[in-house]
Amino acid sequence: MANLAAAVALIIFTLPVLLLVAVAIKCETRGPVFSRRQRRVALGHCFLALQFRTTSFEVDQAHSLTWRAGCEEYTRVGRVLRVTRIDNLPQLFNVLRGEMSCISPRPECPFFLS
């Protein structure tokens, strides 16, 4: 219950920042605002951690969005998000869904747990 209350309060408090970042990402690059490429394990189950997208996207021949192979090039907005750690704010929605906790340690990648 405390996790839910904390997540709701933090989402309400950071909503202007969340909206501003989403608009900045959409203005700078094409593609989705959120990244769901990080599989994490917490509270006994695996889930995809929600983050703001900080790297470039390109449209392939089939008009689907794919990550560029080996690309860890951050966008201008992405660099600021990474340095300030704002890219992790959408994980509050993972807390609302009960996938992780506000208080527990950061969820690990499954690779490190096997």
PDB file of N, CA and C in Angstrom:
ATOM      1  N   MET A   1       0.812  -1.189   0.000  1.00  0.00           N
ATOM      2  CA  MET A   1       0.000   0.000   0.000  1.00  0.00           C
ATOM      3  C   MET A   1       0.866   1.269   0.000  1.00  0.00           C
ATOM      4  N   ALA A   2       1.990   1.211   0.754  1.00  0.00           N
ATOM      5  CA  ALA A   2       2.892   2.364   0.806  1.00  0.00           C
ATOM      6  C   ALA A   2       3.525   2.619  -0.558  1.00  0.00           C
ATOM      7  N   ASN A   3       3.847   1.525  -1.278  1.00  0.00           N
ATOM      8  CA  ASN A   3       4.416   1.674  -2.626  1.00  0.00           C
ATOM      9  C   ASN A   3       3.439   2.375  -3.553  1.00  0.00           C
ATOM     10  N   LEU A   4       2.192   1.961  -3.486  1.00  0.00           N
ATOM     11  CA  LEU A   4       1.161   2.551  -4.342  1.00  0.00           C
ATOM     12  C   LEU A   4       0.983   4.038  -4.037  1.00  0.00           C
ATOM     13  N   ALA A   5       0.904   4.370  -2.767  1.00  0.00           N
ATOM     14  CA  ALA A   5       0.732   5.776  -2.367  1.00  0.00           C
ATOM     15  C   ALA A   5       1.944   6.610  -2.778  1.00  0.00           C
ATOM     16  N   ALA A   6       3.140   6.067  -2.578  1.00  0.00           N
ATOM     17  CA  ALA A   6       4.357   6.789  -2.953  1.00  0.00           C
ATOM     18  C   ALA A   6       4.427   6.994  -4.459  1.00  0.00           C
ATOM     19  N   ALA A   7       4.092   5.961  -5.227  1.00  0.00           N
ATOM     20  CA  ALA A   7       4.141   6.061  -6.688  1.00  0.00           C
ATOM     21  C   ALA A   7       3.136   7.096  -7.198  1.00  0.00           C
ATOM     22  N   VAL A   8       1.923   7.065  -6.685  1.00  0.00           N
ATOM     23  CA  VAL A   8       0.899   8.028  -7.115  1.00  0.00           C
ATOM     24  C   VAL A   8       1.333   9.449  -6.770  1.00  0.00           C
ATOM     25  N   ALA A   9       1.824   9.649  -5.556  1.00  0.00           N
ATOM     26  CA  ALA A   9       2.264  10.995  -5.145  1.00  0.00           C
ATOM     27  C   ALA A   9       3.419  11.486  -6.014  1.00  0.00           C
ATOM     28  N   LEU A  10       4.387  10.615  -6.281  1.00  0.00           N
ATOM     29  CA  LEU A  10       5.531  11.012  -7.102  1.00  0.00           C
ATOM     30  C   LEU A  10       5.136  11.277  -8.552  1.00  0.00           C
ATOM     31  N   ILE A  11       4.208  10.492  -9.083  1.00  0.00           N
ATOM     32  CA  ILE A  11       3.742  10.722 -10.456  1.00  0.00           C
ATOM     33  C   ILE A  11       3.041  12.082 -10.543  1.00  0.00           C
ATOM     34  N   ILE A  12       2.188  12.371  -9.579  1.00  0.00           N
ATOM     35  CA  ILE A  12       1.498  13.665  -9.585  1.00  0.00           C
ATOM     36  C   ILE A  12       2.507  14.806  -9.466  1.00  0.00           C
ATOM     37  N   PHE A  13       3.484  14.659  -8.578  1.00  0.00           N
ATOM     38  CA  PHE A  13       4.489  15.700  -8.355  1.00  0.00           C
ATOM     39  C   PHE A  13       5.375  15.911  -9.588  1.00  0.00           C
ATOM     40  N   THR A  14       5.715  14.815 -10.289  1.00  0.00           N
ATOM     41  CA  THR A  14       6.629  14.914 -11.443  1.00  0.00           C
ATOM     42  C   THR A  14       5.904  14.986 -12.783  1.00  0.00           C
ATOM     43  N   LEU A  15       4.591  15.030 -12.787  1.00  0.00           N
ATOM     44  CA  LEU A  15       3.835  15.041 -14.041  1.00  0.00           C
ATOM     45  C   LEU A  15       4.271  16.135 -15.008  1.00  0.00           C
ATOM     46  N   PRO A  16       4.499  17.374 -14.569  1.00  0.00           N
ATOM     47  CA  PRO A  16       4.972  18.390 -15.528  1.00  0.00           C
ATOM     48  C   PRO A  16       6.311  18.006 -16.180  1.00  0.00           C
ATOM     49  N   VAL A  17       7.205  17.427 -15.405  1.00  0.00           N
ATOM     50  CA  VAL A  17       8.499  16.996 -15.945  1.00  0.00           C
ATOM     51  C   VAL A  17       8.301  15.848 -16.932  1.00  0.00           C
ATOM     52  N   LEU A  18       7.463  14.885 -16.566  1.00  0.00           N
ATOM     53  CA  LEU A  18       7.189  13.750 -17.459  1.00  0.00           C
ATOM     54  C   LEU A  18       6.649  14.231 -18.804  1.00  0.00           C
ATOM     55  N   LEU A  19       5.707  15.163 -18.769  1.00  0.00           N
ATOM     56  CA  LEU A  19       5.118  15.677 -20.007  1.00  0.00           C
ATOM     57  C   LEU A  19       6.129  16.468 -20.827  1.00  0.00           C
ATOM     58  N   LEU A  20       6.927  17.289 -20.167  1.00  0.00           N
ATOM     59  CA  LEU A  20       7.951  18.075 -20.852  1.00  0.00           C
ATOM     60  C   LEU A  20       8.989  17.174 -21.528  1.00  0.00           C
ATOM     61  N   VAL A  21       9.417  16.149 -20.832  1.00  0.00           N
ATOM     62  CA  VAL A  21      10.395  15.212 -21.406  1.00  0.00           C
ATOM     63  C   VAL A  21       9.793  14.466 -22.587  1.00  0.00           C
ATOM     64  N   ALA A  22       8.547  14.031 -22.465  1.00  0.00           N
ATOM     65  CA  ALA A  22       7.890  13.318 -23.565  1.00  0.00           C
ATOM     66  C   ALA A  22       7.808  14.194 -24.818  1.00  0.00           C
ATOM     67  N   VAL A  23       7.456  15.449 -24.643  1.00  0.00           N
ATOM     68  CA  VAL A  23       7.387  16.378 -25.779  1.00  0.00           C
ATOM     69  C   VAL A  23       8.777  16.599 -26.373  1.00  0.00           C
ATOM     70  N   ALA A  24       9.781  16.756 -25.522  1.00  0.00           N
ATOM     71  CA  ALA A  24      11.155  16.970 -26.004  1.00  0.00           C
ATOM     72  C   ALA A  24      11.650  15.775 -26.818  1.00  0.00           C
ATOM     73  N   ILE A  25      11.362  14.565 -26.363  1.00  0.00           N
ATOM     74  CA  ILE A  25      11.781  13.363 -27.093  1.00  0.00           C
ATOM     75  C   ILE A  25      11.081  13.302 -28.444  1.00  0.00           C
ATOM     76  N   LYS A  26       9.780  13.568 -28.467  1.00  0.00           N
ATOM     77  CA  LYS A  26       9.021  13.523 -29.722  1.00  0.00           C
ATOM     78  C   LYS A  26       9.480  14.605 -30.697  1.00  0.00           C
ATOM     79  N   CYS A  27       9.856  15.774 -30.187  1.00  0.00           N
ATOM     80  CA  CYS A  27      10.317  16.853 -31.065  1.00  0.00           C
ATOM     81  C   CYS A  27      11.689  16.552 -31.653  1.00  0.00           C
ATOM     82  N   GLU A  28      12.522  15.848 -30.899  1.00  0.00           N
ATOM     83  CA  GLU A  28      13.884  15.597 -31.364  1.00  0.00           C
ATOM     84  C   GLU A  28      13.996  14.402 -32.305  1.00  0.00           C
ATOM     85  N   THR A  29      13.264  13.341 -32.040  1.00  0.00           N
ATOM     86  CA  THR A  29      13.402  12.116 -32.838  1.00  0.00           C
ATOM     87  C   THR A  29      12.052  11.495 -33.123  1.00  0.00           C
ATOM     88  N   ARG A  30      12.059  10.620 -34.108  1.00  0.00           N
ATOM     89  CA  ARG A  30      10.869   9.820 -34.389  1.00  0.00           C
ATOM     90  C   ARG A  30      10.890   8.587 -33.504  1.00  0.00           C
ATOM     91  N   GLY A  31       9.761   7.969 -33.365  1.00  0.00           N
ATOM     92  CA  GLY A  31       9.696   6.739 -32.590  1.00  0.00           C
ATOM     93  C   GLY A  31       8.993   6.947 -31.265  1.00  0.00           C
ATOM     94  N   PRO A  32       8.911   5.873 -30.506  1.00  0.00           N
ATOM     95  CA  PRO A  32       8.200   5.953 -29.226  1.00  0.00           C
ATOM     96  C   PRO A  32       8.954   6.779 -28.200  1.00  0.00           C
ATOM     97  N   VAL A  33       8.235   7.283 -27.230  1.00  0.00           N
ATOM     98  CA  VAL A  33       8.823   8.076 -26.153  1.00  0.00           C
ATOM     99  C   VAL A  33       9.479   7.150 -25.128  1.00  0.00           C
ATOM    100  N   PHE A  34       8.884   5.985 -24.929  1.00  0.00           N
ATOM    101  CA  PHE A  34       9.373   5.057 -23.914  1.00  0.00           C
ATOM    102  C   PHE A  34      10.165   3.914 -24.524  1.00  0.00           C
ATOM    103  N   SER A  35      11.097   3.407 -23.738  1.00  0.00           N
ATOM    104  CA  SER A  35      11.877   2.229 -24.108  1.00  0.00           C
ATOM    105  C   SER A  35      11.479   1.102 -23.172  1.00  0.00           C
ATOM    106  N   ARG A  36      11.273  -0.061 -23.738  1.00  0.00           N
ATOM    107  CA  ARG A  36      10.944  -1.238 -22.924  1.00  0.00           C
ATOM    108  C   ARG A  36      11.901  -2.367 -23.259  1.00  0.00           C
ATOM    109  N   ARG A  37      13.181  -2.051 -23.400  1.00  0.00           N
ATOM    110  CA  ARG A  37      14.125  -3.078 -23.814  1.00  0.00           C
ATOM    111  C   ARG A  37      14.885  -3.692 -22.648  1.00  0.00           C
ATOM    112  N   GLN A  38      14.672  -3.224 -21.442  1.00  0.00           N
ATOM    113  CA  GLN A  38      15.402  -3.753 -20.302  1.00  0.00           C
ATOM    114  C   GLN A  38      14.545  -4.728 -19.514  1.00  0.00           C
ATOM    115  N   ARG A  39      14.880  -6.002 -19.637  1.00  0.00           N
ATOM    116  CA  ARG A  39      14.189  -7.032 -18.855  1.00  0.00           C
ATOM    117  C   ARG A  39      14.808  -7.040 -17.460  1.00  0.00           C
ATOM    118  N   ARG A  40      13.970  -6.982 -16.424  1.00  0.00           N
ATOM    119  CA  ARG A  40      14.422  -6.940 -15.036  1.00  0.00           C
ATOM    120  C   ARG A  40      13.681  -7.981 -14.206  1.00  0.00           C
ATOM    121  N   VAL A  41      14.276  -8.338 -13.082  1.00  0.00           N
ATOM    122  CA  VAL A  41      13.656  -9.278 -12.153  1.00  0.00           C
ATOM    123  C   VAL A  41      13.524  -8.591 -10.799  1.00  0.00           C
ATOM    124  N   ALA A  42      12.302  -8.572 -10.276  1.00  0.00           N
ATOM    125  CA  ALA A  42      12.041  -8.006  -8.951  1.00  0.00           C
ATOM    126  C   ALA A  42      10.780  -8.638  -8.389  1.00  0.00           C
ATOM    127  N   LEU A  43      10.725  -8.701  -7.088  1.00  0.00           N
ATOM    128  CA  LEU A  43       9.557  -9.249  -6.393  1.00  0.00           C
ATOM    129  C   LEU A  43       9.166 -10.623  -6.935  1.00  0.00           C
ATOM    130  N   GLY A  44      10.160 -11.388  -7.358  1.00  0.00           N
ATOM    131  CA  GLY A  44       9.938 -12.765  -7.784  1.00  0.00           C
ATOM    132  C   GLY A  44       9.483 -12.973  -9.211  1.00  0.00           C
ATOM    133  N   HIS A  45       9.432 -11.941 -10.033  1.00  0.00           N
ATOM    134  CA  HIS A  45       9.032 -12.163 -11.426  1.00  0.00           C
ATOM    135  C   HIS A  45       9.782 -11.223 -12.371  1.00  0.00           C
ATOM    136  N   CYS A  46       9.749 -11.581 -13.641  1.00  0.00           N
ATOM    137  CA  CYS A  46      10.446 -10.841 -14.693  1.00  0.00           C
ATOM    138  C   CYS A  46       9.472  -9.842 -15.339  1.00  0.00           C
ATOM    139  N   PHE A  47       9.978  -8.660 -15.671  1.00  0.00           N
ATOM    140  CA  PHE A  47       9.151  -7.651 -16.325  1.00  0.00           C
ATOM    141  C   PHE A  47      10.039  -6.743 -17.166  1.00  0.00           C
ATOM    142  N   LEU A  48       9.425  -5.929 -18.010  1.00  0.00           N
ATOM    143  CA  LEU A  48      10.153  -4.953 -18.818  1.00  0.00           C
ATOM    144  C   LEU A  48      10.088  -3.599 -18.129  1.00  0.00           C
ATOM    145  N   ALA A  49      11.251  -3.081 -17.757  1.00  0.00           N
ATOM    146  CA  ALA A  49      11.320  -1.780 -17.065  1.00  0.00           C
ATOM    147  C   ALA A  49      11.025  -0.662 -18.059  1.00  0.00           C
ATOM    148  N   LEU A  50      10.176   0.228 -17.679  1.00  0.00           N
ATOM    149  CA  LEU A  50       9.783   1.357 -18.514  1.00  0.00           C
ATOM    150  C   LEU A  50      10.739   2.515 -18.269  1.00  0.00           C
ATOM    151  N   GLN A  51      11.293   3.072 -19.361  1.00  0.00           N
ATOM    152  CA  GLN A  51      12.195   4.212 -19.271  1.00  0.00           C
ATOM    153  C   GLN A  51      11.929   5.145 -20.438  1.00  0.00           C
ATOM    154  N   PHE A  52      12.330   6.413 -20.273  1.00  0.00           N
ATOM    155  CA  PHE A  52      12.303   7.312 -21.419  1.00  0.00           C
ATOM    156  C   PHE A  52      13.392   6.874 -22.385  1.00  0.00           C
ATOM    157  N   ARG A  53      13.100   6.956 -23.675  1.00  0.00           N
ATOM    158  CA  ARG A  53      14.072   6.571 -24.698  1.00  0.00           C
ATOM    159  C   ARG A  53      15.148   7.643 -24.777  1.00  0.00           C
ATOM    160  N   THR A  54      16.418   7.212 -24.721  1.00  0.00           N
ATOM    161  CA  THR A  54      17.536   8.148 -24.736  1.00  0.00           C
ATOM    162  C   THR A  54      18.459   7.961 -25.936  1.00  0.00           C
ATOM    163  N   THR A  55      18.233   6.920 -26.726  1.00  0.00           N
ATOM    164  CA  THR A  55      19.088   6.657 -27.883  1.00  0.00           C
ATOM    165  C   THR A  55      18.332   6.841 -29.182  1.00  0.00           C
ATOM    166  N   SER A  56      19.061   6.909 -30.279  1.00  0.00           N
ATOM    167  CA  SER A  56      18.472   7.153 -31.594  1.00  0.00           C
ATOM    168  C   SER A  56      17.718   5.934 -32.131  1.00  0.00           C
ATOM    169  N   PHE A  57      16.746   6.204 -32.930  1.00  0.00           N
ATOM    170  CA  PHE A  57      15.993   5.177 -33.648  1.00  0.00           C
ATOM    171  C   PHE A  57      16.134   5.453 -35.140  1.00  0.00           C
ATOM    172  N   GLU A  58      15.973   4.430 -35.947  1.00  0.00           N
ATOM    173  CA  GLU A  58      15.875   4.670 -37.389  1.00  0.00           C
ATOM    174  C   GLU A  58      14.798   3.759 -37.957  1.00  0.00           C
ATOM    175  N   VAL A  59      14.223   4.185 -39.036  1.00  0.00           N
ATOM    176  CA  VAL A  59      13.149   3.416 -39.654  1.00  0.00           C
ATOM    177  C   VAL A  59      13.752   2.517 -40.729  1.00  0.00           C
ATOM    178  N   ASP A  60      13.510   1.204 -40.593  1.00  0.00           N
ATOM    179  CA  ASP A  60      14.071   0.286 -41.601  1.00  0.00           C
ATOM    180  C   ASP A  60      13.159   0.161 -42.822  1.00  0.00           C
ATOM    181  N   GLN A  61      13.549  -0.676 -43.787  1.00  0.00           N
ATOM    182  CA  GLN A  61      12.802  -0.799 -45.046  1.00  0.00           C
ATOM    183  C   GLN A  61      11.345  -1.213 -44.849  1.00  0.00           C
ATOM    184  N   ALA A  62      11.061  -1.962 -43.791  1.00  0.00           N
ATOM    185  CA  ALA A  62       9.689  -2.432 -43.559  1.00  0.00           C
ATOM    186  C   ALA A  62       8.868  -1.419 -42.763  1.00  0.00           C
ATOM    187  N   HIS A  63       9.425  -0.223 -42.549  1.00  0.00           N
ATOM    188  CA  HIS A  63       8.759   0.844 -41.799  1.00  0.00           C
ATOM    189  C   HIS A  63       8.475   0.474 -40.351  1.00  0.00           C
ATOM    190  N   SER A  64       9.280  -0.458 -39.807  1.00  0.00           N
ATOM    191  CA  SER A  64       9.155  -0.747 -38.385  1.00  0.00           C
ATOM    192  C   SER A  64      10.348  -0.133 -37.672  1.00  0.00           C
ATOM    193  N   LEU A  65      10.158   0.180 -36.412  1.00  0.00           N
ATOM    194  CA  LEU A  65      11.227   0.826 -35.661  1.00  0.00           C
ATOM    195  C   LEU A  65      12.155  -0.234 -35.059  1.00  0.00           C
ATOM    196  N   THR A  66      13.444  -0.091 -35.299  1.00  0.00           N
ATOM    197  CA  THR A  66      14.411  -1.038 -34.761  1.00  0.00           C
ATOM    198  C   THR A  66      15.593  -0.295 -34.180  1.00  0.00           C
ATOM    199  N   TRP A  67      16.248  -0.912 -33.223  1.00  0.00           N
ATOM    200  CA  TRP A  67      17.467  -0.332 -32.673  1.00  0.00           C
ATOM    201  C   TRP A  67      18.578  -0.509 -33.683  1.00  0.00           C
ATOM    202  N   ARG A  68      19.409   0.485 -33.867  1.00  0.00           N
ATOM    203  CA  ARG A  68      20.569   0.351 -34.734  1.00  0.00           C
ATOM    204  C   ARG A  68      21.554  -0.580 -34.059  1.00  0.00           C
ATOM    205  N   ALA A  69      22.095  -1.521 -34.809  1.00  0.00           N
ATOM    206  CA  ALA A  69      23.008  -2.515 -34.257  1.00  0.00           C
ATOM    207  C   ALA A  69      24.214  -1.837 -33.612  1.00  0.00           C
ATOM    208  N   GLY A  70      24.481  -2.167 -32.365  1.00  0.00           N
ATOM    209  CA  GLY A  70      25.641  -1.655 -31.667  1.00  0.00           C
ATOM    210  C   GLY A  70      25.600  -0.167 -31.362  1.00  0.00           C
ATOM    211  N   CYS A  71      24.450   0.462 -31.477  1.00  0.00           N
ATOM    212  CA  CYS A  71      24.371   1.912 -31.296  1.00  0.00           C
ATOM    213  C   CYS A  71      24.016   2.241 -29.852  1.00  0.00           C
ATOM    214  N   GLU A  72      24.881   2.946 -29.204  1.00  0.00           N
ATOM    215  CA  GLU A  72      24.566   3.480 -27.886  1.00  0.00           C
ATOM    216  C   GLU A  72      24.722   4.993 -27.920  1.00  0.00           C
ATOM    217  N   GLU A  73      24.478   5.551 -29.080  1.00  0.00           N
ATOM    218  CA  GLU A  73      24.582   6.993 -29.271  1.00  0.00           C
ATOM    219  C   GLU A  73      23.362   7.673 -28.665  1.00  0.00           C
ATOM    220  N   TYR A  74      23.600   8.534 -27.688  1.00  0.00           N
ATOM    221  CA  TYR A  74      22.504   9.232 -27.039  1.00  0.00           C
ATOM    222  C   TYR A  74      22.099  10.456 -27.848  1.00  0.00           C
ATOM    223  N   THR A  75      20.828  10.763 -27.815  1.00  0.00           N
ATOM    224  CA  THR A  75      20.349  12.001 -28.420  1.00  0.00           C
ATOM    225  C   THR A  75      20.720  13.148 -27.474  1.00  0.00           C
ATOM    226  N   ARG A  76      20.524  14.377 -27.934  1.00  0.00           N
ATOM    227  CA  ARG A  76      20.811  15.523 -27.053  1.00  0.00           C
ATOM    228  C   ARG A  76      19.947  15.470 -25.791  1.00  0.00           C
ATOM    229  N   VAL A  77      18.671  15.218 -25.983  1.00  0.00           N
ATOM    230  CA  VAL A  77      17.766  15.101 -24.839  1.00  0.00           C
ATOM    231  C   VAL A  77      18.168  13.890 -23.996  1.00  0.00           C
ATOM    232  N   GLY A  78      18.528  12.809 -24.656  1.00  0.00           N
ATOM    233  CA  GLY A  78      18.917  11.589 -23.961  1.00  0.00           C
ATOM    234  C   GLY A  78      20.113  11.768 -23.049  1.00  0.00           C
ATOM    235  N   ARG A  79      21.091  12.545 -23.474  1.00  0.00           N
ATOM    236  CA  ARG A  79      22.262  12.797 -22.630  1.00  0.00           C
ATOM    237  C   ARG A  79      21.856  13.490 -21.320  1.00  0.00           C
ATOM    238  N   VAL A  80      20.988  14.488 -21.445  1.00  0.00           N
ATOM    239  CA  VAL A  80      20.518  15.203 -20.252  1.00  0.00           C
ATOM    240  C   VAL A  80      19.720  14.258 -19.351  1.00  0.00           C
ATOM    241  N   LEU A  81      18.871  13.439 -19.948  1.00  0.00           N
ATOM    242  CA  LEU A  81      18.069  12.499 -19.161  1.00  0.00           C
ATOM    243  C   LEU A  81      18.944  11.514 -18.411  1.00  0.00           C
ATOM    244  N   ARG A  82      19.987  11.014 -19.062  1.00  0.00           N
ATOM    245  CA  ARG A  82      20.887  10.058 -18.422  1.00  0.00           C
ATOM    246  C   ARG A  82      21.655  10.684 -17.275  1.00  0.00           C
ATOM    247  N   VAL A  83      22.202  11.876 -17.491  1.00  0.00           N
ATOM    248  CA  VAL A  83      23.008  12.540 -16.460  1.00  0.00           C
ATOM    249  C   VAL A  83      22.154  12.859 -15.233  1.00  0.00           C
ATOM    250  N   THR A  84      20.931  13.302 -15.453  1.00  0.00           N
ATOM    251  CA  THR A  84      20.044  13.681 -14.344  1.00  0.00           C
ATOM    252  C   THR A  84      19.228  12.513 -13.803  1.00  0.00           C
ATOM    253  N   ARG A  85      19.309  11.360 -14.480  1.00  0.00           N
ATOM    254  CA  ARG A  85      18.559  10.147 -14.109  1.00  0.00           C
ATOM    255  C   ARG A  85      17.052  10.289 -14.280  1.00  0.00           C
ATOM    256  N   ILE A  86      16.625  11.292 -15.018  1.00  0.00           N
ATOM    257  CA  ILE A  86      15.198  11.485 -15.263  1.00  0.00           C
ATOM    258  C   ILE A  86      14.650  10.369 -16.154  1.00  0.00           C
ATOM    259  N   ASP A  87      15.519   9.697 -16.919  1.00  0.00           N
ATOM    260  CA  ASP A  87      15.056   8.626 -17.797  1.00  0.00           C
ATOM    261  C   ASP A  87      14.404   7.486 -17.024  1.00  0.00           C
ATOM    262  N   ASN A  88      14.650   7.392 -15.715  1.00  0.00           N
ATOM    263  CA  ASN A  88      14.074   6.322 -14.900  1.00  0.00           C
ATOM    264  C   ASN A  88      12.728   6.680 -14.266  1.00  0.00           C
ATOM    265  N   LEU A  89      12.279   7.916 -14.381  1.00  0.00           N
ATOM    266  CA  LEU A  89      11.009   8.308 -13.761  1.00  0.00           C
ATOM    267  C   LEU A  89       9.814   7.453 -14.205  1.00  0.00           C
ATOM    268  N   PRO A  90       9.727   7.033 -15.475  1.00  0.00           N
ATOM    269  CA  PRO A  90       8.579   6.203 -15.866  1.00  0.00           C
ATOM    270  C   PRO A  90       8.497   4.866 -15.130  1.00  0.00           C
ATOM    271  N   GLN A  91       9.555   4.473 -14.419  1.00  0.00           N
ATOM    272  CA  GLN A  91       9.487   3.229 -13.650  1.00  0.00           C
ATOM    273  C   GLN A  91       8.501   3.336 -12.495  1.00  0.00           C
ATOM    274  N   LEU A  92       8.054   4.546 -12.206  1.00  0.00           N
ATOM    275  CA  LEU A  92       6.982   4.696 -11.214  1.00  0.00           C
ATOM    276  C   LEU A  92       5.715   3.973 -11.683  1.00  0.00           C
ATOM    277  N   PHE A  93       5.514   3.903 -12.994  1.00  0.00           N
ATOM    278  CA  PHE A  93       4.362   3.162 -13.524  1.00  0.00           C
ATOM    279  C   PHE A  93       4.549   1.659 -13.326  1.00  0.00           C
ATOM    280  N   ASN A  94       5.808   1.170 -13.351  1.00  0.00           N
ATOM    281  CA  ASN A  94       6.070  -0.227 -13.006  1.00  0.00           C
ATOM    282  C   ASN A  94       5.693  -0.482 -11.542  1.00  0.00           C
ATOM    283  N   VAL A  95       5.938   0.494 -10.685  1.00  0.00           N
ATOM    284  CA  VAL A  95       5.559   0.373  -9.273  1.00  0.00           C
ATOM    285  C   VAL A  95       4.034   0.311  -9.156  1.00  0.00           C
ATOM    286  N   LEU A  96       3.330   1.153  -9.907  1.00  0.00           N
ATOM    287  CA  LEU A  96       1.852   1.124  -9.880  1.00  0.00           C
ATOM    288  C   LEU A  96       1.301  -0.226 -10.313  1.00  0.00           C
ATOM    289  N   ARG A  97       1.967  -0.863 -11.267  1.00  0.00           N
ATOM    290  CA  ARG A  97       1.524  -2.178 -11.754  1.00  0.00           C
ATOM    291  C   ARG A  97       1.948  -3.307 -10.820  1.00  0.00           C
ATOM    292  N   GLY A  98       2.691  -2.984  -9.761  1.00  0.00           N
ATOM    293  CA  GLY A  98       3.110  -4.006  -8.805  1.00  0.00           C
ATOM    294  C   GLY A  98       4.301  -4.829  -9.261  1.00  0.00           C
ATOM    295  N   GLU A  99       5.029  -4.353 -10.255  1.00  0.00           N
ATOM    296  CA  GLU A  99       6.163  -5.103 -10.786  1.00  0.00           C
ATOM    297  C   GLU A  99       7.450  -4.851 -10.014  1.00  0.00           C
ATOM    298  N   MET A 100       7.540  -3.710  -9.345  1.00  0.00           N
ATOM    299  CA  MET A 100       8.714  -3.396  -8.547  1.00  0.00           C
ATOM    300  C   MET A 100       8.297  -2.522  -7.376  1.00  0.00           C
ATOM    301  N   SER A 101       9.238  -2.269  -6.503  1.00  0.00           N
ATOM    302  CA  SER A 101       8.957  -1.500  -5.301  1.00  0.00           C
ATOM    303  C   SER A 101       9.745  -0.195  -5.305  1.00  0.00           C
ATOM    304  N   CYS A 102       9.221   0.820  -4.654  1.00  0.00           N
ATOM    305  CA  CYS A 102       9.939   2.094  -4.524  1.00  0.00           C
ATOM    306  C   CYS A 102      11.123   1.967  -3.575  1.00  0.00           C
ATOM    307  N   ILE A 103      11.016   1.086  -2.617  1.00  0.00           N
ATOM    308  CA  ILE A 103      11.976   1.038  -1.532  1.00  0.00           C
ATOM    309  C   ILE A 103      13.033  -0.048  -1.712  1.00  0.00           C
ATOM    310  N   SER A 104      12.700  -1.105  -2.374  1.00  0.00           N
ATOM    311  CA  SER A 104      13.637  -2.226  -2.502  1.00  0.00           C
ATOM    312  C   SER A 104      14.828  -1.855  -3.385  1.00  0.00           C
ATOM    313  N   PRO A 105      15.854  -2.710  -3.415  1.00  0.00           N
ATOM    314  CA  PRO A 105      16.988  -2.449  -4.305  1.00  0.00           C
ATOM    315  C   PRO A 105      16.542  -2.431  -5.769  1.00  0.00           C
ATOM    316  N   ARG A 106      17.364  -1.816  -6.603  1.00  0.00           N
ATOM    317  CA  ARG A 106      17.061  -1.741  -8.035  1.00  0.00           C
ATOM    318  C   ARG A 106      16.927  -3.153  -8.601  1.00  0.00           C
ATOM    319  N   PRO A 107      15.892  -3.408  -9.407  1.00  0.00           N
ATOM    320  CA  PRO A 107      15.730  -4.730 -10.001  1.00  0.00           C
ATOM    321  C   PRO A 107      16.940  -5.106 -10.861  1.00  0.00           C
ATOM    322  N   GLU A 108      17.334  -6.360 -10.819  1.00  0.00           N
ATOM    323  CA  GLU A 108      18.508  -6.838 -11.559  1.00  0.00           C
ATOM    324  C   GLU A 108      18.096  -7.393 -12.921  1.00  0.00           C
ATOM    325  N   CYS A 109      19.076  -7.450 -13.815  1.00  0.00           N
ATOM    326  CA  CYS A 109      18.899  -8.125 -15.093  1.00  0.00           C
ATOM    327  C   CYS A 109      18.918  -9.625 -14.835  1.00  0.00           C
ATOM    328  N   PRO A 110      18.086 -10.399 -15.544  1.00  0.00           N
ATOM    329  CA  PRO A 110      18.062 -11.852 -15.332  1.00  0.00           C
ATOM    330  C   PRO A 110      19.441 -12.493 -15.529  1.00  0.00           C
ATOM    331  N   PHE A 111      20.253 -11.914 -16.387  1.00  0.00           N
ATOM    332  CA  PHE A 111      21.593 -12.441 -16.665  1.00  0.00           C
ATOM    333  C   PHE A 111      22.431 -12.571 -15.387  1.00  0.00           C
ATOM    334  N   PHE A 112      22.322 -11.597 -14.502  1.00  0.00           N
ATOM    335  CA  PHE A 112      23.120 -11.608 -13.280  1.00  0.00           C
ATOM    336  C   PHE A 112      22.592 -12.542 -12.212  1.00  0.00           C
ATOM    337  N   LEU A 113      21.351 -12.981 -12.351  1.00  0.00           N
ATOM    338  CA  LEU A 113      20.746 -13.847 -11.343  1.00  0.00           C
ATOM    339  C   LEU A 113      20.862 -15.322 -11.676  1.00  0.00           C
ATOM    340  N   SER A 114      21.307 -15.656 -12.875  1.00  0.00           N
ATOM    341  CA  SER A 114      21.387 -17.079 -13.240  1.00  0.00           C
ATOM    342  C   SER A 114      22.771 -17.629 -13.047  1.00  0.00           C
TER     343      SER A 114
END
